[in-house]
Amino acid sequence: MATTKDYRDFILEQLNLLDNITCKSMMGEYLLYYNGILFGGIYDDRLLVKIVDSNKKYNMQKSIPYESAKPMYLVDDVDNQEVLRDIVLDTYKDLKK
C-alpha cells in the first residue's frame, strides 16, 4: 500500500515549524530531509524516523518501513507539532555528525 498524497501533505503541514524540510517521492513513498540530511520518511501512511541515540528518549516503537529495510522508529503522535519538531531536530543532530 502506497502513502496517500493527503497523508503526505498532512505530515508536511505538521512539520511546518521547521524550515528546510524537503520531501522526495520514492516508489509510492516519501523520503524526508531536514537541511539536506535524510532523517526519515512516510511509508504506508506512517511517519518513521531513523534510529539514533538522541531520539531514543521518545520511547517510540520500532517498525519496518518496507520489506528487507532496517528498522526505524514509528512516530505515533503526529498531531503534536512541537514534539515532531523536537524528534526531527534530535534525529538530525546525530545524523549530521
PDB file of N, CA and C in Angstrom:
ATOM      1  N   MET A   1       0.840  -1.182   0.000  1.00  0.00           N
ATOM      2  CA  MET A   1       0.000   0.000   0.000  1.00  0.00           C
ATOM      3  C   MET A   1       0.885   1.245   0.000  1.00  0.00           C
ATOM      4  N   ALA A   2       0.696   2.118  -0.926  1.00  0.00           N
ATOM      5  CA  ALA A   2       1.467   3.356  -1.015  1.00  0.00           C
ATOM      6  C   ALA A   2       0.844   4.435  -0.129  1.00  0.00           C
ATOM      7  N   THR A   3       1.660   5.401   0.212  1.00  0.00           N
ATOM      8  CA  THR A   3       1.198   6.537   1.006  1.00  0.00           C
ATOM      9  C   THR A   3       0.332   7.455   0.148  1.00  0.00           C
ATOM     10  N   THR A   4      -0.745   7.945   0.733  1.00  0.00           N
ATOM     11  CA  THR A   4      -1.616   8.870   0.010  1.00  0.00           C
ATOM     12  C   THR A   4      -1.009  10.271   0.004  1.00  0.00           C
ATOM     13  N   LYS A   5      -1.326  11.030  -1.015  1.00  0.00           N
ATOM     14  CA  LYS A   5      -0.841  12.413  -1.082  1.00  0.00           C
ATOM     15  C   LYS A   5      -1.448  13.257   0.025  1.00  0.00           C
ATOM     16  N   ASP A   6      -2.668  12.929   0.431  1.00  0.00           N
ATOM     17  CA  ASP A   6      -3.299  13.656   1.543  1.00  0.00           C
ATOM     18  C   ASP A   6      -2.511  13.476   2.830  1.00  0.00           C
ATOM     19  N   TYR A   7      -2.058  12.241   3.099  1.00  0.00           N
ATOM     20  CA  TYR A   7      -1.286  11.995   4.312  1.00  0.00           C
ATOM     21  C   TYR A   7       0.072  12.686   4.217  1.00  0.00           C
ATOM     22  N   ARG A   8       0.699  12.626   3.054  1.00  0.00           N
ATOM     23  CA  ARG A   8       1.971  13.334   2.848  1.00  0.00           C
ATOM     24  C   ARG A   8       1.797  14.823   3.141  1.00  0.00           C
ATOM     25  N   ASP A   9       0.758  15.416   2.579  1.00  0.00           N
ATOM     26  CA  ASP A   9       0.506  16.841   2.790  1.00  0.00           C
ATOM     27  C   ASP A   9       0.261  17.154   4.258  1.00  0.00           C
ATOM     28  N   PHE A  10      -0.462  16.261   4.947  1.00  0.00           N
ATOM     29  CA  PHE A  10      -0.721  16.443   6.376  1.00  0.00           C
ATOM     30  C   PHE A  10       0.591  16.440   7.165  1.00  0.00           C
ATOM     31  N   ILE A  11       1.457  15.473   6.896  1.00  0.00           N
ATOM     32  CA  ILE A  11       2.734  15.396   7.619  1.00  0.00           C
ATOM     33  C   ILE A  11       3.590  16.621   7.327  1.00  0.00           C
ATOM     34  N   LEU A  12       3.651  17.035   6.081  1.00  0.00           N
ATOM     35  CA  LEU A  12       4.441  18.225   5.751  1.00  0.00           C
ATOM     36  C   LEU A  12       3.893  19.462   6.452  1.00  0.00           C
ATOM     37  N   GLU A  13       2.580  19.546   6.574  1.00  0.00           N
ATOM     38  CA  GLU A  13       1.978  20.661   7.303  1.00  0.00           C
ATOM     39  C   GLU A  13       2.333  20.583   8.786  1.00  0.00           C
ATOM     40  N   GLN A  14       2.337  19.392   9.343  1.00  0.00           N
ATOM     41  CA  GLN A  14       2.685  19.220  10.752  1.00  0.00           C
ATOM     42  C   GLN A  14       4.152  19.584  11.014  1.00  0.00           C
ATOM     43  N   LEU A  15       4.997  19.456  10.002  1.00  0.00           N
ATOM     44  CA  LEU A  15       6.418  19.763  10.147  1.00  0.00           C
ATOM     45  C   LEU A  15       6.744  21.220   9.812  1.00  0.00           C
ATOM     46  N   ASN A  16       5.721  22.052   9.653  1.00  0.00           N
ATOM     47  CA  ASN A  16       5.966  23.423   9.206  1.00  0.00           C
ATOM     48  C   ASN A  16       6.612  24.320  10.262  1.00  0.00           C
ATOM     49  N   LEU A  17       6.847  23.835  11.472  1.00  0.00           N
ATOM     50  CA  LEU A  17       7.592  24.605  12.468  1.00  0.00           C
ATOM     51  C   LEU A  17       9.081  24.629  12.118  1.00  0.00           C
ATOM     52  N   LEU A  18       9.484  23.763  11.196  1.00  0.00           N
ATOM     53  CA  LEU A  18      10.878  23.677  10.770  1.00  0.00           C
ATOM     54  C   LEU A  18      11.031  24.229   9.354  1.00  0.00           C
ATOM     55  N   ASP A  19      12.054  25.042   9.170  1.00  0.00           N
ATOM     56  CA  ASP A  19      12.399  25.471   7.820  1.00  0.00           C
ATOM     57  C   ASP A  19      13.258  24.385   7.188  1.00  0.00           C
ATOM     58  N   ASN A  20      13.343  24.391   5.888  1.00  0.00           N
ATOM     59  CA  ASN A  20      14.238  23.498   5.151  1.00  0.00           C
ATOM     60  C   ASN A  20      13.865  22.028   5.203  1.00  0.00           C
ATOM     61  N   ILE A  21      12.579  21.707   5.358  1.00  0.00           N
ATOM     62  CA  ILE A  21      12.109  20.327   5.202  1.00  0.00           C
ATOM     63  C   ILE A  21      11.837  20.112   3.716  1.00  0.00           C
ATOM     64  N   THR A  22      12.395  19.057   3.171  1.00  0.00           N
ATOM     65  CA  THR A  22      12.107  18.700   1.788  1.00  0.00           C
ATOM     66  C   THR A  22      11.618  17.258   1.739  1.00  0.00           C
ATOM     67  N   CYS A  23      10.858  16.973   0.708  1.00  0.00           N
ATOM     68  CA  CYS A  23      10.212  15.674   0.554  1.00  0.00           C
ATOM     69  C   CYS A  23      10.456  15.196  -0.876  1.00  0.00           C
ATOM     70  N   LYS A  24      10.935  13.961  -1.014  1.00  0.00           N
ATOM     71  CA  LYS A  24      11.165  13.390  -2.336  1.00  0.00           C
ATOM     72  C   LYS A  24      10.366  12.102  -2.477  1.00  0.00           C
ATOM     73  N   SER A  25       9.678  11.992  -3.586  1.00  0.00           N
ATOM     74  CA  SER A  25       8.893  10.797  -3.868  1.00  0.00           C
ATOM     75  C   SER A  25       9.824   9.647  -4.247  1.00  0.00           C
ATOM     76  N   MET A  26       9.528   8.458  -3.699  1.00  0.00           N
ATOM     77  CA  MET A  26      10.343   7.284  -3.991  1.00  0.00           C
ATOM     78  C   MET A  26       9.447   6.045  -4.000  1.00  0.00           C
ATOM     79  N   MET A  27       9.074   5.595  -5.192  1.00  0.00           N
ATOM     80  CA  MET A  27       8.304   4.360  -5.369  1.00  0.00           C
ATOM     81  C   MET A  27       7.016   4.343  -4.538  1.00  0.00           C
ATOM     82  N   GLY A  28       6.249   5.413  -4.589  1.00  0.00           N
ATOM     83  CA  GLY A  28       4.980   5.474  -3.885  1.00  0.00           C
ATOM     84  C   GLY A  28       5.080   5.899  -2.442  1.00  0.00           C
ATOM     85  N   GLU A  29       6.287   6.107  -1.960  1.00  0.00           N
ATOM     86  CA  GLU A  29       6.510   6.565  -0.591  1.00  0.00           C
ATOM     87  C   GLU A  29       7.284   7.878  -0.660  1.00  0.00           C
ATOM     88  N   TYR A  30       7.640   8.442   0.495  1.00  0.00           N
ATOM     89  CA  TYR A  30       8.272   9.759   0.511  1.00  0.00           C
ATOM     90  C   TYR A  30       9.436   9.786   1.490  1.00  0.00           C
ATOM     91  N   LEU A  31      10.571  10.285   1.027  1.00  0.00           N
ATOM     92  CA  LEU A  31      11.743  10.462   1.870  1.00  0.00           C
ATOM     93  C   LEU A  31      11.731  11.896   2.388  1.00  0.00           C
ATOM     94  N   LEU A  32      12.080  12.059   3.656  1.00  0.00           N
ATOM     95  CA  LEU A  32      12.058  13.373   4.293  1.00  0.00           C
ATOM     96  C   LEU A  32      13.468  13.811   4.678  1.00  0.00           C
ATOM     97  N   TYR A  33      13.781  15.050   4.347  1.00  0.00           N
ATOM     98  CA  TYR A  33      15.092  15.626   4.602  1.00  0.00           C
ATOM     99  C   TYR A  33      14.937  16.906   5.417  1.00  0.00           C
ATOM    100  N   TYR A  34      15.894  17.130   6.304  1.00  0.00           N
ATOM    101  CA  TYR A  34      15.981  18.399   7.019  1.00  0.00           C
ATOM    102  C   TYR A  34      17.381  18.947   6.763  1.00  0.00           C
ATOM    103  N   ASN A  35      17.463  20.146   6.228  1.00  0.00           N
ATOM    104  CA  ASN A  35      18.745  20.751   5.859  1.00  0.00           C
ATOM    105  C   ASN A  35      19.595  19.808   5.011  1.00  0.00           C
ATOM    106  N   GLY A  36      18.941  19.077   4.116  1.00  0.00           N
ATOM    107  CA  GLY A  36      19.641  18.188   3.202  1.00  0.00           C
ATOM    108  C   GLY A  36      20.015  16.829   3.755  1.00  0.00           C
ATOM    109  N   ILE A  37      19.683  16.551   5.014  1.00  0.00           N
ATOM    110  CA  ILE A  37      20.005  15.267   5.653  1.00  0.00           C
ATOM    111  C   ILE A  37      18.738  14.420   5.730  1.00  0.00           C
ATOM    112  N   LEU A  38      18.827  13.202   5.216  1.00  0.00           N
ATOM    113  CA  LEU A  38      17.704  12.261   5.268  1.00  0.00           C
ATOM    114  C   LEU A  38      17.500  11.817   6.716  1.00  0.00           C
ATOM    115  N   PHE A  39      16.336  12.140   7.270  1.00  0.00           N
ATOM    116  CA  PHE A  39      16.062  11.777   8.667  1.00  0.00           C
ATOM    117  C   PHE A  39      14.941  10.757   8.804  1.00  0.00           C
ATOM    118  N   GLY A  40      14.146  10.573   7.769  1.00  0.00           N
ATOM    119  CA  GLY A  40      13.029   9.640   7.877  1.00  0.00           C
ATOM    120  C   GLY A  40      12.225   9.607   6.604  1.00  0.00           C
ATOM    121  N   GLY A  41      11.013   9.099   6.732  1.00  0.00           N
ATOM    122  CA  GLY A  41      10.154   9.011   5.566  1.00  0.00           C
ATOM    123  C   GLY A  41       8.721   8.706   5.946  1.00  0.00           C
ATOM    124  N   ILE A  42       7.892   8.752   4.932  1.00  0.00           N
ATOM    125  CA  ILE A  42       6.477   8.418   5.094  1.00  0.00           C
ATOM    126  C   ILE A  42       6.248   7.134   4.307  1.00  0.00           C
ATOM    127  N   TYR A  43       5.882   6.080   5.001  1.00  0.00           N
ATOM    128  CA  TYR A  43       5.717   4.753   4.422  1.00  0.00           C
ATOM    129  C   TYR A  43       4.351   4.207   4.813  1.00  0.00           C
ATOM    130  N   ASP A  44       3.546   3.869   3.826  1.00  0.00           N
ATOM    131  CA  ASP A  44       2.213   3.307   4.090  1.00  0.00           C
ATOM    132  C   ASP A  44       1.426   4.152   5.082  1.00  0.00           C
ATOM    133  N   ASP A  45       1.417   5.457   4.853  1.00  0.00           N
ATOM    134  CA  ASP A  45       0.713   6.402   5.727  1.00  0.00           C
ATOM    135  C   ASP A  45       1.193   6.332   7.174  1.00  0.00           C
ATOM    136  N   ARG A  46       2.495   6.154   7.342  1.00  0.00           N
ATOM    137  CA  ARG A  46       3.130   6.158   8.671  1.00  0.00           C
ATOM    138  C   ARG A  46       4.378   7.016   8.586  1.00  0.00           C
ATOM    139  N   LEU A  47       4.603   7.845   9.589  1.00  0.00           N
ATOM    140  CA  LEU A  47       5.829   8.634   9.677  1.00  0.00           C
ATOM    141  C   LEU A  47       6.857   7.840  10.471  1.00  0.00           C
ATOM    142  N   LEU A  48       8.005   7.603   9.849  1.00  0.00           N
ATOM    143  CA  LEU A  48       9.089   6.890  10.505  1.00  0.00           C
ATOM    144  C   LEU A  48      10.354   7.729  10.448  1.00  0.00           C
ATOM    145  N   VAL A  49      11.177   7.632  11.496  1.00  0.00           N
ATOM    146  CA  VAL A  49      12.455   8.341  11.546  1.00  0.00           C
ATOM    147  C   VAL A  49      13.564   7.338  11.832  1.00  0.00           C
ATOM    148  N   LYS A  50      14.768   7.696  11.397  1.00  0.00           N
ATOM    149  CA  LYS A  50      15.916   6.841  11.636  1.00  0.00           C
ATOM    150  C   LYS A  50      16.159   6.702  13.139  1.00  0.00           C
ATOM    151  N   ILE A  51      16.688   5.575  13.528  1.00  0.00           N
ATOM    152  CA  ILE A  51      17.016   5.313  14.931  1.00  0.00           C
ATOM    153  C   ILE A  51      18.416   5.855  15.211  1.00  0.00           C
ATOM    154  N   VAL A  52      18.499   6.793  16.144  1.00  0.00           N
ATOM    155  CA  VAL A  52      19.774   7.354  16.596  1.00  0.00           C
ATOM    156  C   VAL A  52      19.715   7.483  18.113  1.00  0.00           C
ATOM    157  N   ASP A  53      20.868   7.671  18.738  1.00  0.00           N
ATOM    158  CA  ASP A  53      20.909   7.756  20.198  1.00  0.00           C
ATOM    159  C   ASP A  53      20.039   8.878  20.759  1.00  0.00           C
ATOM    160  N   SER A  54      20.052  10.026  20.113  1.00  0.00           N
ATOM    161  CA  SER A  54      19.367  11.182  20.696  1.00  0.00           C
ATOM    162  C   SER A  54      17.844  11.130  20.586  1.00  0.00           C
ATOM    163  N   ASN A  55      17.285  10.218  19.784  1.00  0.00           N
ATOM    164  CA  ASN A  55      15.816  10.148  19.737  1.00  0.00           C
ATOM    165  C   ASN A  55      15.258   8.939  20.486  1.00  0.00           C
ATOM    166  N   LYS A  56      16.108   8.183  21.146  1.00  0.00           N
ATOM    167  CA  LYS A  56      15.633   7.032  21.930  1.00  0.00           C
ATOM    168  C   LYS A  56      14.784   7.473  23.126  1.00  0.00           C
ATOM    169  N   LYS A  57      15.012   8.696  23.589  1.00  0.00           N
ATOM    170  CA  LYS A  57      14.286   9.196  24.771  1.00  0.00           C
ATOM    171  C   LYS A  57      12.784   9.347  24.532  1.00  0.00           C
ATOM    172  N   TYR A  58      12.355   9.312  23.282  1.00  0.00           N
ATOM    173  CA  TYR A  58      10.925   9.453  22.967  1.00  0.00           C
ATOM    174  C   TYR A  58      10.169   8.131  23.068  1.00  0.00           C
ATOM    175  N   ASN A  59      10.887   7.049  23.320  1.00  0.00           N
ATOM    176  CA  ASN A  59      10.286   5.726  23.517  1.00  0.00           C
ATOM    177  C   ASN A  59       9.334   5.339  22.390  1.00  0.00           C
ATOM    178  N   MET A  60       9.799   5.530  21.155  1.00  0.00           N
ATOM    179  CA  MET A  60       8.985   5.169  20.001  1.00  0.00           C
ATOM    180  C   MET A  60       9.165   3.689  19.680  1.00  0.00           C
ATOM    181  N   GLN A  61       8.165   3.128  19.086  1.00  0.00           N
ATOM    182  CA  GLN A  61       8.165   1.714  18.711  1.00  0.00           C
ATOM    183  C   GLN A  61       8.942   1.542  17.404  1.00  0.00           C
ATOM    184  N   LYS A  62       9.704   0.452  17.308  1.00  0.00           N
ATOM    185  CA  LYS A  62      10.408   0.149  16.066  1.00  0.00           C
ATOM    186  C   LYS A  62       9.430  -0.411  15.048  1.00  0.00           C
ATOM    187  N   SER A  63       9.668  -0.072  13.794  1.00  0.00           N
ATOM    188  CA  SER A  63       8.819  -0.539  12.705  1.00  0.00           C
ATOM    189  C   SER A  63       9.672  -0.682  11.450  1.00  0.00           C
ATOM    190  N   ILE A  64       9.273  -1.591  10.586  1.00  0.00           N
ATOM    191  CA  ILE A  64       9.970  -1.805   9.319  1.00  0.00           C
ATOM    192  C   ILE A  64       9.241  -0.995   8.241  1.00  0.00           C
ATOM    193  N   PRO A  65       9.945  -0.087   7.544  1.00  0.00           N
ATOM    194  CA  PRO A  65       9.270   0.734   6.533  1.00  0.00           C
ATOM    195  C   PRO A  65       8.815  -0.074   5.317  1.00  0.00           C
ATOM    196  N   TYR A  66       9.612  -1.038   4.919  1.00  0.00           N
ATOM    197  CA  TYR A  66       9.290  -1.902   3.780  1.00  0.00           C
ATOM    198  C   TYR A  66      10.136  -3.168   3.903  1.00  0.00           C
ATOM    199  N   GLU A  67       9.783  -4.184   3.178  1.00  0.00           N
ATOM    200  CA  GLU A  67      10.458  -5.479   3.263  1.00  0.00           C
ATOM    201  C   GLU A  67      11.960  -5.339   3.050  1.00  0.00           C
ATOM    202  N   SER A  68      12.724  -5.966   3.893  1.00  0.00           N
ATOM    203  CA  SER A  68      14.197  -6.027   3.892  1.00  0.00           C
ATOM    204  C   SER A  68      14.872  -4.717   4.289  1.00  0.00           C
ATOM    205  N   ALA A  69      14.135  -3.764   4.819  1.00  0.00           N
ATOM    206  CA  ALA A  69      14.713  -2.490   5.278  1.00  0.00           C
ATOM    207  C   ALA A  69      15.118  -2.589   6.745  1.00  0.00           C
ATOM    208  N   LYS A  70      16.014  -1.691   7.148  1.00  0.00           N
ATOM    209  CA  LYS A  70      16.382  -1.583   8.557  1.00  0.00           C
ATOM    210  C   LYS A  70      15.198  -1.034   9.338  1.00  0.00           C
ATOM    211  N   PRO A  71      15.079  -1.422  10.609  1.00  0.00           N
ATOM    212  CA  PRO A  71      14.007  -0.845  11.429  1.00  0.00           C
ATOM    213  C   PRO A  71      14.193   0.663  11.609  1.00  0.00           C
ATOM    214  N   MET A  72      13.083   1.327  11.784  1.00  0.00           N
ATOM    215  CA  MET A  72      13.056   2.764  12.071  1.00  0.00           C
ATOM    216  C   MET A  72      12.086   2.967  13.231  1.00  0.00           C
ATOM    217  N   TYR A  73      12.049   4.180  13.757  1.00  0.00           N
ATOM    218  CA  TYR A  73      11.076   4.484  14.801  1.00  0.00           C
ATOM    219  C   TYR A  73       9.794   5.020  14.178  1.00  0.00           C
ATOM    220  N   LEU A  74       8.671   4.492  14.667  1.00  0.00           N
ATOM    221  CA  LEU A  74       7.354   4.945  14.250  1.00  0.00           C
ATOM    222  C   LEU A  74       6.934   6.121  15.127  1.00  0.00           C
ATOM    223  N   VAL A  75       6.612   7.236  14.511  1.00  0.00           N
ATOM    224  CA  VAL A  75       6.146   8.413  15.253  1.00  0.00           C
ATOM    225  C   VAL A  75       4.625   8.312  15.347  1.00  0.00           C
ATOM    226  N   ASP A  76       4.142   7.986  16.542  1.00  0.00           N
ATOM    227  CA  ASP A  76       2.701   7.817  16.758  1.00  0.00           C
ATOM    228  C   ASP A  76       1.960   9.135  16.878  1.00  0.00           C
ATOM    229  N   ASP A  77       2.556  10.094  17.578  1.00  0.00           N
ATOM    230  CA  ASP A  77       1.871  11.348  17.879  1.00  0.00           C
ATOM    231  C   ASP A  77       2.191  12.400  16.816  1.00  0.00           C
ATOM    232  N   VAL A  78       1.617  12.240  15.640  1.00  0.00           N
ATOM    233  CA  VAL A  78       1.881  13.183  14.546  1.00  0.00           C
ATOM    234  C   VAL A  78       1.052  14.455  14.679  1.00  0.00           C
ATOM    235  N   ASP A  79       0.148  14.501  15.645  1.00  0.00           N
ATOM    236  CA  ASP A  79      -0.681  15.689  15.838  1.00  0.00           C
ATOM    237  C   ASP A  79       0.023  16.771  16.658  1.00  0.00           C
ATOM    238  N   ASN A  80       1.061  16.409  17.381  1.00  0.00           N
ATOM    239  CA  ASN A  80       1.760  17.351  18.248  1.00  0.00           C
ATOM    240  C   ASN A  80       2.965  17.932  17.502  1.00  0.00           C
ATOM    241  N   GLN A  81       2.804  19.134  16.964  1.00  0.00           N
ATOM    242  CA  GLN A  81       3.850  19.751  16.150  1.00  0.00           C
ATOM    243  C   GLN A  81       5.139  20.011  16.919  1.00  0.00           C
ATOM    244  N   GLU A  82       5.023  20.377  18.195  1.00  0.00           N
ATOM    245  CA  GLU A  82       6.216  20.666  18.975  1.00  0.00           C
ATOM    246  C   GLU A  82       7.045  19.401  19.204  1.00  0.00           C
ATOM    247  N   VAL A  83       6.386  18.297  19.499  1.00  0.00           N
ATOM    248  CA  VAL A  83       7.098  17.028  19.690  1.00  0.00           C
ATOM    249  C   VAL A  83       7.715  16.576  18.367  1.00  0.00           C
ATOM    250  N   LEU A  84       6.984  16.712  17.274  1.00  0.00           N
ATOM    251  CA  LEU A  84       7.528  16.354  15.957  1.00  0.00           C
ATOM    252  C   LEU A  84       8.786  17.158  15.661  1.00  0.00           C
ATOM    253  N   ARG A  85       8.727  18.457  15.918  1.00  0.00           N
ATOM    254  CA  ARG A  85       9.898  19.315  15.701  1.00  0.00           C
ATOM    255  C   ARG A  85      11.088  18.817  16.515  1.00  0.00           C
ATOM    256  N   ASP A  86      10.857  18.495  17.782  1.00  0.00           N
ATOM    257  CA  ASP A  86      11.941  18.049  18.653  1.00  0.00           C
ATOM    258  C   ASP A  86      12.513  16.709  18.188  1.00  0.00           C
ATOM    259  N   ILE A  87      11.660  15.798  17.755  1.00  0.00           N
ATOM    260  CA  ILE A  87      12.129  14.499  17.262  1.00  0.00           C
ATOM    261  C   ILE A  87      13.016  14.700  16.029  1.00  0.00           C
ATOM    262  N   VAL A  88      12.573  15.535  15.105  1.00  0.00           N
ATOM    263  CA  VAL A  88      13.360  15.786  13.893  1.00  0.00           C
ATOM    264  C   VAL A  88      14.691  16.444  14.247  1.00  0.00           C
ATOM    265  N   LEU A  89      14.672  17.440  15.112  1.00  0.00           N
ATOM    266  CA  LEU A  89      15.915  18.128  15.487  1.00  0.00           C
ATOM    267  C   LEU A  89      16.889  17.197  16.191  1.00  0.00           C
ATOM    268  N   ASP A  90      16.388  16.363  17.106  1.00  0.00           N
ATOM    269  CA  ASP A  90      17.263  15.410  17.797  1.00  0.00           C
ATOM    270  C   ASP A  90      17.823  14.369  16.826  1.00  0.00           C
ATOM    271  N   THR A  91      16.994  13.895  15.913  1.00  0.00           N
ATOM    272  CA  THR A  91      17.450  12.911  14.924  1.00  0.00           C
ATOM    273  C   THR A  91      18.517  13.546  14.028  1.00  0.00           C
ATOM    274  N   TYR A  92      18.240  14.738  13.558  1.00  0.00           N
ATOM    275  CA  TYR A  92      19.161  15.464  12.680  1.00  0.00           C
ATOM    276  C   TYR A  92      20.511  15.695  13.376  1.00  0.00           C
ATOM    277  N   LYS A  93      20.440  16.050  14.658  1.00  0.00           N
ATOM    278  CA  LYS A  93      21.663  16.351  15.408  1.00  0.00           C
ATOM    279  C   LYS A  93      22.642  15.166  15.352  1.00  0.00           C
ATOM    280  N   ASP A  94      22.152  13.958  15.513  1.00  0.00           N
ATOM    281  CA  ASP A  94      23.025  12.778  15.461  1.00  0.00           C
ATOM    282  C   ASP A  94      23.442  12.432  14.037  1.00  0.00           C
ATOM    283  N   LEU A  95      22.573  12.646  13.074  1.00  0.00           N
ATOM    284  CA  LEU A  95      22.885  12.260  11.691  1.00  0.00           C
ATOM    285  C   LEU A  95      23.883  13.202  11.023  1.00  0.00           C
ATOM    286  N   LYS A  96      23.941  14.434  11.430  1.00  0.00           N
ATOM    287  CA  LYS A  96      24.854  15.384  10.768  1.00  0.00           C
ATOM    288  C   LYS A  96      26.288  15.266  11.245  1.00  0.00           C
ATOM    289  N   LYS A  97      26.553  14.441  12.241  1.00  0.00           N
ATOM    290  CA  LYS A  97      27.918  14.270  12.775  1.00  0.00           C
ATOM    291  C   LYS A  97      28.823  13.640  11.745  1.00  0.00           C
TER     292      LYS A  97
END
